[in-house]
């Protein structure tokens, strides 16, 4: 049950309770006032009737020793008191008044139907007005709840946009109520988060650029070492360090949201074969470890260089953290990269790839998948990660979205 429904039910319930309570109070006060007025009138008429009876004149409505006198009133008269009594035992209610005169009982009675009908009419009006009031309160409650719900939903949507990486998302401030305070807190949080991420990205980019020159010198110097195992270890480590610095610089560029797509019409199968050949040619795998299977080839309008970059990262990640063989399947505009390993970690499936996140066994996922997600977003393509039932890890790049509207984009803020 949503907040809007709860608020509407609460307001409608409160209005209904208030209507019932007011109706009961009005009903009882009206009944009491009617009875007091009828009792007073009956007393005055009874006094006149007793005086007339004493003078030997009895009116048409004067009853002497009536046999149907209600027992409670008869007991009171027998004790020398006068009284009135409302008898509801018959079809029509009767108002009795009786008094003792010598050895006789002088009584009067009249129908009480007019008062009863008045009470029924009053109850009918109270029920109708209560129902109308409750309905109006329900409508008003729903309107208020809808307005509050929309404001809360807007705050939640903005917070979700910020969590998804849109650090420019903000909410307008209206009024001075609690929801406005919540909105202000969300905006303040977004400003603080944006400033912190911006500072972290600038530091990361500056460090990467500062390291680029000495790392390049290290790679050059390692190439001048005499042949041998120590020289190979130094060259391998220097090469990995250069790749890491280049990845960090690429992440910084994607974070800046300044990347432009250079779209052209190209065949998906050709781009995939070129990307796989690049991985195999760079020594990342043997020819038998990566297989390309084209189910259905199509042409799409996209940036082939960025598509290759995404596929190279996906295949390299599959080889590094999964097991061979790695099968790259082309089915229309969807390219799937599947290995034979243990699958993606649950954290990656639930929250997406995150830079420098380590796996369950301490194997770093690095920046490869993060860059793949960022490049796919720039392309306007979809990138999904899953662990299929047959085992292994599956990454699917959907280029269908990039066919009509490739766009600029940036990495999600993880």
Protein backbone atom coordinates (compact mmCIF):
# COMPACT_ATOMS: atom_id res chain seq x y z
CA UNK A 1 0.00 0.00 0.00
CA UNK A 2 1.45 3.33 -1.08
CA UNK A 3 1.84 6.44 1.04
CA UNK A 4 -0.85 8.25 -0.95
CA UNK A 5 -3.38 5.52 -0.22
CA UNK A 6 -2.44 5.42 3.46
CA UNK A 7 -2.85 9.19 3.86
CA UNK A 8 -6.17 9.13 1.99
CA UNK A 9 -7.48 6.27 4.14
CA UNK A 10 -6.32 8.02 7.33
CA UNK A 11 -8.05 11.28 6.41
CA UNK A 12 -11.23 9.53 5.28
CA UNK A 13 -11.28 7.40 8.43
CA UNK A 14 -10.79 10.44 10.64
CA UNK A 15 -13.60 12.28 8.86
CA UNK A 16 -15.90 9.28 9.24
CA UNK A 17 -15.16 8.97 12.97
CA UNK A 18 -15.72 12.71 13.49
CA UNK A 19 -19.02 12.53 11.55
CA UNK A 20 -20.25 9.58 13.64
CA UNK A 21 -19.28 11.22 16.94
CA UNK A 22 -20.93 14.53 16.02
CA UNK A 23 -24.01 12.68 14.76
CA UNK A 24 -24.35 10.77 18.03
CA UNK A 25 -23.97 13.93 20.10
CA UNK A 26 -26.55 15.81 18.03
CA UNK A 27 -28.93 12.83 18.15
CA UNK A 28 -28.77 12.46 21.93
CA UNK A 29 -29.00 16.19 22.61
CA UNK A 30 -32.02 16.46 20.32
CA UNK A 31 -33.77 13.48 21.94
CA UNK A 32 -33.10 14.89 25.40
CA UNK A 33 -34.36 18.35 24.43
CA UNK A 34 -37.52 16.90 22.85
CA UNK A 35 -38.25 14.76 25.89
CA UNK A 36 -37.69 17.67 28.29
CA UNK A 37 -40.01 19.90 26.26
CA UNK A 38 -42.71 17.20 25.99
CA UNK A 39 -42.45 16.45 29.74
CA UNK A 40 -42.81 20.13 30.60
CA UNK A 41 -45.85 20.51 28.36
CA UNK A 42 -47.40 17.31 29.76
CA UNK A 43 -46.88 18.59 33.31
CA UNK A 44 -48.61 21.89 32.56
CA UNK A 45 -51.54 20.15 30.89
CA UNK A 46 -51.81 17.62 33.70
CA UNK A 47 -51.99 20.40 36.29
CA UNK A 48 -54.82 22.01 34.34
CA UNK A 49 -56.59 18.66 33.96
CA UNK A 50 -56.38 17.98 37.74
CA UNK A 51 -57.80 21.42 38.48
CA UNK A 52 -60.65 20.87 36.00
CA UNK A 53 -61.35 17.42 37.49
CA UNK A 54 -61.51 18.93 40.95
CA UNK A 55 -64.09 21.38 39.60
CA UNK A 56 -66.07 18.50 38.11
CA UNK A 57 -65.09 19.25 34.54
CA UNK A 58 -63.15 16.62 32.64
CA UNK A 59 -61.79 17.30 29.19
CA UNK A 60 -61.94 14.90 26.24
CA UNK A 61 -58.31 13.88 26.77
CA UNK A 62 -58.51 13.48 30.52
CA UNK A 63 -58.32 9.84 31.64
CA UNK A 64 -59.53 8.75 35.07
CA UNK A 65 -57.98 5.54 36.41
CA UNK A 66 -56.91 4.33 32.94
CA UNK A 67 -56.37 0.54 32.90
CA UNK A 68 -53.45 0.76 30.43
CA UNK A 69 -51.42 3.18 32.54
CA UNK A 70 -47.75 2.08 32.31
CA UNK A 71 -46.67 0.24 35.45
CA UNK A 72 -43.66 2.48 36.32
CA UNK A 73 -45.89 5.55 36.18
CA UNK A 74 -48.66 3.79 38.14
CA UNK A 75 -46.19 2.92 40.90
CA UNK A 76 -45.07 6.56 41.12
CA UNK A 77 -48.64 7.85 41.27
CA UNK A 78 -49.53 5.31 43.98
CA UNK A 79 -46.80 6.87 46.13
CA UNK A 80 -48.43 10.27 45.79
CA UNK A 81 -46.14 11.64 43.10
CA UNK A 82 -46.91 12.93 39.66
CA UNK A 83 -44.82 11.86 36.74
CA UNK A 84 -44.45 11.42 33.04
CA UNK A 85 -43.49 8.34 31.08
CA UNK A 86 -42.65 7.63 27.44
CA UNK A 87 -44.17 4.32 26.48
CA UNK A 88 -42.56 2.69 23.44
CA UNK A 89 -44.16 -0.73 23.85
CA UNK A 90 -46.91 -0.17 21.26
CA UNK A 91 -46.83 0.50 17.57
CA UNK A 92 -46.71 4.23 18.24
CA UNK A 93 -44.84 5.80 21.15
CA UNK A 94 -47.07 7.53 23.73
CA UNK A 95 -46.22 10.28 26.19
CA UNK A 96 -48.07 9.74 29.52
CA UNK A 97 -48.52 12.11 32.43
CA UNK A 98 -50.41 11.18 35.59
CA UNK A 99 -51.12 12.46 39.10
CA UNK A 100 -53.12 11.42 42.19
CA UNK A 101 -56.27 13.28 43.15
CA UNK A 102 -57.85 11.86 46.29
CA UNK A 103 -58.50 8.19 45.45
CA UNK A 104 -58.39 8.64 41.70
CA UNK A 105 -55.65 8.75 39.13
CA UNK A 106 -55.87 11.60 36.65
CA UNK A 107 -53.85 10.93 33.48
CA UNK A 108 -53.17 12.35 30.06
CA UNK A 109 -51.54 10.78 27.04
CA UNK A 110 -50.69 11.92 23.57
CA UNK A 111 -48.86 10.42 20.57
CA UNK A 112 -45.11 10.93 20.52
CA UNK A 113 -44.87 10.18 16.81
CA UNK A 114 -44.12 13.77 15.77
CA UNK A 115 -41.00 13.89 17.93
CA UNK A 116 -39.94 10.40 16.79
CA UNK A 117 -40.35 11.40 13.15
CA UNK A 118 -38.29 14.52 13.78
CA UNK A 119 -35.50 12.40 15.22
CA UNK A 120 -35.66 10.02 12.25
CA UNK A 121 -35.44 12.94 9.83
CA UNK A 122 -32.53 14.33 11.81
CA UNK A 123 -30.73 10.98 11.76
CA UNK A 124 -31.28 10.73 8.02
CA UNK A 125 -29.81 14.19 7.49
CA UNK A 126 -26.88 13.38 9.77
CA UNK A 127 -26.11 10.17 7.86
CA UNK A 128 -26.29 11.89 4.48
CA UNK A 129 -24.22 14.88 5.59
CA UNK A 130 -21.72 12.55 7.27
CA UNK A 131 -21.37 10.49 4.10
CA UNK A 132 -20.93 13.60 1.97
CA UNK A 133 -18.42 15.03 4.43
CA UNK A 134 -16.48 11.78 4.50
CA UNK A 135 -16.44 11.61 0.70
CA UNK A 136 -15.24 15.21 0.43
CA UNK A 137 -12.60 14.56 3.08
CA UNK A 138 -11.50 11.46 1.17
CA UNK A 139 -11.16 13.45 -2.05
CA UNK A 140 -9.31 16.23 -0.25
CA UNK A 141 -7.08 13.65 1.43
CA UNK A 142 -6.27 12.00 -1.87
CA UNK A 143 -5.44 15.37 -3.42
CA UNK A 144 -3.16 16.28 -0.53
CA UNK A 145 -1.62 12.80 -0.49
CA UNK A 146 -1.12 12.90 -4.27
CA UNK A 147 0.70 16.22 -4.03
CA UNK A 148 2.88 14.98 -1.18
CA UNK A 149 3.45 11.67 -2.94
CA UNK A 150 4.57 13.39 -6.11
CA UNK A 151 7.03 15.52 -4.21
CA UNK A 152 8.40 12.49 -2.37
CA UNK A 153 8.56 10.49 -5.60
CA UNK A 154 10.43 13.34 -7.28
CA UNK A 155 12.93 13.36 -4.40
CA UNK A 156 13.37 9.58 -4.66
CA UNK A 157 13.76 9.74 -8.46
CA UNK A 158 16.34 12.50 -8.15
CA UNK A 159 18.27 10.50 -5.55
CA UNK A 160 18.16 7.49 -7.89
CA UNK A 161 19.42 9.62 -10.81
CA UNK A 162 22.29 10.79 -8.63
CA UNK A 163 23.05 7.17 -7.68
CA UNK A 164 23.03 6.27 -11.40
CA UNK A 165 25.65 8.92 -12.11
CA UNK A 166 23.68 12.05 -13.03
CA UNK A 167 25.36 14.47 -10.63
CA UNK A 168 23.54 17.45 -12.17
CA UNK A 169 20.12 16.27 -10.96
CA UNK A 170 18.50 18.75 -8.57
CA UNK A 171 15.02 19.46 -7.22
CA UNK A 172 13.27 22.86 -6.99
CA UNK A 173 12.49 24.10 -3.49
CA UNK A 174 8.89 25.09 -2.66
CA UNK A 175 7.51 26.03 0.74
CA UNK A 176 8.95 25.44 4.19
CA UNK A 177 7.51 22.06 5.16
CA UNK A 178 9.30 18.82 5.98
CA UNK A 179 9.35 17.65 2.37
CA UNK A 180 11.12 20.87 1.40
CA UNK A 181 13.71 20.10 4.07
CA UNK A 182 14.12 16.62 2.56
CA UNK A 183 14.47 18.14 -0.92
CA UNK A 184 17.07 20.58 0.35
CA UNK A 185 18.96 17.71 2.00
CA UNK A 186 18.93 15.74 -1.29
CA UNK A 187 20.26 18.75 -3.20
CA UNK A 188 22.94 19.35 -0.56
CA UNK A 189 23.94 15.70 -0.71
CA UNK A 190 24.15 15.89 -4.50
CA UNK A 191 26.33 19.01 -4.33
CA UNK A 192 28.65 17.42 -1.79
CA UNK A 193 28.82 14.14 -3.71
CA UNK A 194 29.44 15.91 -7.02
CA UNK A 195 32.22 18.00 -5.48
CA UNK A 196 33.85 14.98 -3.90
CA UNK A 197 33.68 12.88 -7.07
CA UNK A 198 34.91 15.78 -9.16
CA UNK A 199 37.89 16.22 -6.83
CA UNK A 200 38.62 12.47 -6.86
CA UNK A 201 38.43 12.34 -10.66
CA UNK A 202 40.70 15.35 -11.01
CA UNK A 203 43.24 13.79 -8.64
CA UNK A 204 43.05 10.46 -10.47
CA UNK A 205 43.44 12.11 -13.87
CA UNK A 206 46.31 14.30 -12.69
CA UNK A 207 48.15 11.35 -11.15
CA UNK A 208 47.66 9.31 -14.32
CA UNK A 209 48.97 12.14 -16.52
CA UNK A 210 51.91 12.71 -14.20
CA UNK A 211 52.76 8.99 -14.29
CA UNK A 212 52.50 8.72 -18.05
CA UNK A 213 55.89 10.25 -18.81
CA UNK A 214 57.96 8.33 -16.22
CA UNK A 215 56.15 5.09 -17.10
CA UNK A 216 56.91 5.64 -20.77
CA UNK A 217 60.55 6.20 -19.82
CA UNK A 218 60.48 3.02 -17.72
CA UNK A 219 59.12 1.02 -20.64
CA UNK A 220 61.81 2.44 -22.94
CA UNK A 221 64.54 1.72 -20.41
CA UNK A 222 63.26 -1.84 -19.91
CA UNK A 223 63.52 -2.39 -23.65
CA UNK A 224 67.24 -1.55 -23.48
CA UNK A 225 68.03 -4.19 -20.86
CA UNK A 226 70.06 -7.18 -21.99
CA UNK A 227 68.07 -10.31 -22.76
CA UNK A 228 67.24 -12.50 -19.82
CA UNK A 229 64.54 -13.49 -17.36
CA UNK A 230 65.02 -10.42 -15.12
CA UNK A 231 64.67 -8.14 -18.15
CA UNK A 232 61.47 -9.95 -19.21
CA UNK A 233 59.96 -9.47 -15.73
CA UNK A 234 60.82 -5.78 -15.76
CA UNK A 235 59.39 -5.30 -19.26
CA UNK A 236 56.22 -7.22 -18.33
CA UNK A 237 55.68 -5.19 -15.18
CA UNK A 238 56.36 -1.93 -16.99
CA UNK A 239 53.91 -2.91 -19.73
CA UNK A 240 51.19 -3.68 -17.21
CA UNK A 241 51.84 -0.38 -15.45
CA UNK A 242 51.54 1.48 -18.76
CA UNK A 243 48.25 -0.30 -19.54
CA UNK A 244 46.92 0.63 -16.09
CA UNK A 245 47.88 4.29 -16.56
CA UNK A 246 46.25 4.33 -20.00
CA UNK A 247 43.08 2.79 -18.52
CA UNK A 248 42.96 5.38 -15.76
CA UNK A 249 43.33 8.18 -18.32
CA UNK A 250 40.53 6.65 -20.42
CA UNK A 251 38.27 6.44 -17.37
CA UNK A 252 38.99 10.11 -16.65
CA UNK A 253 38.00 11.02 -20.21
CA UNK A 254 34.78 9.04 -19.93
CA UNK A 255 34.02 10.68 -16.58
CA UNK A 256 34.30 14.11 -18.16
CA UNK A 257 31.38 13.31 -20.52
CA UNK A 258 33.28 14.92 -23.39
CA UNK A 259 33.58 11.85 -25.60
CA UNK A 260 32.13 12.13 -29.11
CA UNK A 261 30.79 9.28 -31.20
CA UNK A 262 32.05 9.00 -34.77
CA UNK A 263 29.32 6.88 -36.25
CA UNK A 264 29.47 4.97 -39.50
CA UNK A 265 27.69 1.98 -40.99
CA UNK A 266 29.64 -1.21 -40.39
CA UNK A 267 29.07 -4.94 -40.19
CA UNK A 268 28.90 -6.34 -36.68
CA UNK A 269 30.66 -9.58 -37.61
CA UNK A 270 33.59 -7.73 -39.15
CA UNK A 271 34.04 -5.53 -36.08
CA UNK A 272 33.91 -8.58 -33.79
CA UNK A 273 36.51 -10.50 -35.80
CA UNK A 274 38.78 -7.47 -35.80
CA UNK A 275 38.48 -7.08 -32.01
CA UNK A 276 39.16 -10.78 -31.35
CA UNK A 277 42.14 -10.71 -33.72
CA UNK A 278 43.50 -7.77 -31.77
CA UNK A 279 43.31 -9.69 -28.50
CA UNK A 280 44.90 -12.82 -30.01
CA UNK A 281 47.55 -10.80 -31.87
CA UNK A 282 48.53 -8.97 -28.71
CA UNK A 283 49.36 -12.28 -27.08
CA UNK A 284 46.31 -12.30 -24.86
CA UNK A 285 45.20 -15.76 -26.01
CA UNK A 286 45.79 -18.60 -28.39
CA UNK A 287 43.69 -18.86 -31.48
CA UNK A 288 41.78 -21.84 -30.05
CA UNK A 289 40.90 -20.06 -26.79
CA UNK A 290 38.64 -17.50 -28.44
CA UNK A 291 36.00 -18.57 -30.95
CA UNK A 292 33.76 -16.37 -33.04
CA UNK A 293 30.34 -17.69 -33.99
CA UNK A 294 28.15 -15.60 -36.31
CA UNK A 295 24.50 -16.62 -36.12
CA UNK A 296 23.15 -13.60 -38.00
CA UNK A 297 25.23 -10.69 -39.25
CA UNK A 298 23.77 -7.19 -39.70
CA UNK A 299 25.00 -3.69 -40.36
CA UNK A 300 24.54 -1.02 -37.71
CA UNK A 301 25.35 2.65 -37.48
CA UNK A 302 27.83 3.00 -34.63
CA UNK A 303 31.41 3.89 -33.75
CA UNK A 304 33.42 0.76 -34.67
CA UNK A 305 36.50 1.89 -32.73
CA UNK A 306 34.57 2.13 -29.50
CA UNK A 307 32.78 -1.18 -30.18
CA UNK A 308 36.15 -2.84 -30.63
CA UNK A 309 37.35 -1.29 -27.37
CA UNK A 310 34.35 -2.71 -25.52
CA UNK A 311 34.79 -6.18 -27.02
CA UNK A 312 38.55 -6.24 -26.39
CA UNK A 313 37.93 -5.46 -22.72
CA UNK A 314 35.17 -8.08 -22.45
CA UNK A 315 37.23 -10.83 -24.12
CA UNK A 316 40.36 -9.90 -22.11
CA UNK A 317 38.40 -9.96 -18.88
CA UNK A 318 36.90 -13.35 -19.78
CA UNK A 319 40.37 -14.77 -20.47
CA UNK A 320 41.89 -13.25 -17.35
CA UNK A 321 39.20 -14.10 -14.82
CA UNK A 322 37.32 -16.97 -16.45
CA UNK A 323 38.35 -20.11 -18.29
CA UNK A 324 38.60 -20.93 -21.93
CA UNK A 325 37.32 -21.40 -24.42
CA UNK A 326 35.71 -17.95 -24.78
CA UNK A 327 32.89 -17.91 -27.34
CA UNK A 328 31.95 -14.60 -28.98
CA UNK A 329 28.50 -14.92 -30.58
CA UNK A 330 27.04 -12.44 -33.09
CA UNK A 331 23.25 -12.58 -33.37
CA UNK A 332 22.07 -9.50 -35.22
CA UNK A 333 22.95 -6.41 -33.23
CA UNK A 334 23.68 -8.39 -30.05
CA UNK A 335 27.20 -9.61 -29.33
CA UNK A 336 27.64 -12.10 -26.48
CA UNK A 337 30.98 -12.91 -24.84
CA UNK A 338 30.82 -16.08 -22.74
CA UNK A 339 33.58 -17.91 -20.92
CA UNK A 340 33.64 -21.30 -19.17
CA UNK A 341 34.61 -20.08 -15.70
CA UNK A 342 32.74 -19.77 -12.44
CA UNK A 343 30.66 -16.74 -13.46
CA UNK A 344 30.54 -13.12 -12.37
CA UNK A 345 30.55 -12.28 -8.65
CA UNK A 346 27.17 -11.49 -7.13
CA UNK A 347 28.30 -7.95 -6.33
CA UNK A 348 28.94 -7.24 -10.00
CA UNK A 349 25.57 -8.65 -11.08
CA UNK A 350 23.68 -6.58 -8.50
CA UNK A 351 25.63 -3.31 -8.60
CA UNK A 352 27.46 -3.40 -11.91
CA UNK A 353 31.23 -3.30 -12.43
CA UNK A 354 33.09 -0.91 -10.16
CA UNK A 355 36.57 0.38 -10.65
CA UNK A 356 39.27 -1.43 -8.63
CA UNK A 357 36.69 -3.86 -7.22
CA UNK A 358 38.33 -7.17 -6.24
CA UNK A 359 36.79 -10.59 -6.66
CA UNK A 360 36.03 -13.17 -4.00
CA UNK A 361 39.53 -14.63 -4.24
CA UNK A 362 41.27 -11.26 -4.33
CA UNK A 363 41.66 -11.16 -8.11
CA UNK A 364 41.18 -7.55 -9.14
CA UNK A 365 38.56 -6.86 -11.77
CA UNK A 366 40.52 -3.76 -12.69
CA UNK A 367 39.13 -1.12 -15.01
CA UNK A 368 38.34 -3.23 -18.04
CA UNK A 369 34.63 -3.80 -17.37
CA UNK A 370 34.22 -0.24 -16.07
CA UNK A 371 35.64 1.12 -19.32
CA UNK A 372 33.41 -1.28 -21.30
CA UNK A 373 30.31 0.04 -19.51
CA UNK A 374 31.41 3.65 -20.06
CA UNK A 375 32.10 3.15 -23.78
CA UNK A 376 28.78 1.33 -24.23
CA UNK A 377 27.00 4.24 -22.60
CA UNK A 378 28.74 6.69 -24.94
CA UNK A 379 27.55 4.55 -27.86
CA UNK A 380 24.01 4.44 -26.52
CA UNK A 381 24.28 0.63 -26.45
CA UNK A 382 23.17 -1.75 -23.73
CA UNK A 383 25.63 -3.93 -21.82
CA UNK A 384 24.25 -6.74 -19.64
CA UNK A 385 26.07 -9.17 -17.35
CA UNK A 386 24.68 -12.55 -16.26
CA UNK A 387 25.58 -16.06 -15.21
CA UNK A 388 23.71 -18.41 -17.60
CA UNK A 389 22.32 -21.72 -16.45
CA UNK A 390 24.93 -23.73 -18.33
CA UNK A 391 27.79 -22.18 -16.36
CA UNK A 392 30.32 -19.47 -17.11
CA UNK A 393 29.90 -15.71 -17.34
CA UNK A 394 28.02 -13.95 -20.14
CA UNK A 395 28.36 -10.31 -21.19
CA UNK A 396 25.96 -9.12 -23.93
CA UNK A 397 26.51 -5.92 -25.91
CA UNK A 398 23.31 -4.76 -27.60
CA UNK A 399 24.13 -2.39 -30.46
CA UNK A 400 20.51 -2.02 -31.49
CA UNK A 401 20.10 1.15 -29.41
CA UNK A 402 23.14 2.67 -31.06
CA UNK A 403 21.79 2.15 -34.57
CA UNK A 404 19.58 5.23 -34.59
CA UNK A 405 20.86 7.55 -31.93
CA UNK A 406 24.44 7.15 -30.72
CA UNK A 407 25.05 9.82 -28.12
CA UNK A 408 27.48 11.32 -25.70
CA UNK A 409 27.72 9.86 -22.24
CA UNK A 410 29.81 9.20 -19.17
CA UNK A 411 30.56 6.46 -16.70
CA UNK A 412 28.16 5.77 -13.87
CA UNK A 413 29.40 7.03 -10.54
CA UNK A 414 30.41 3.91 -8.58
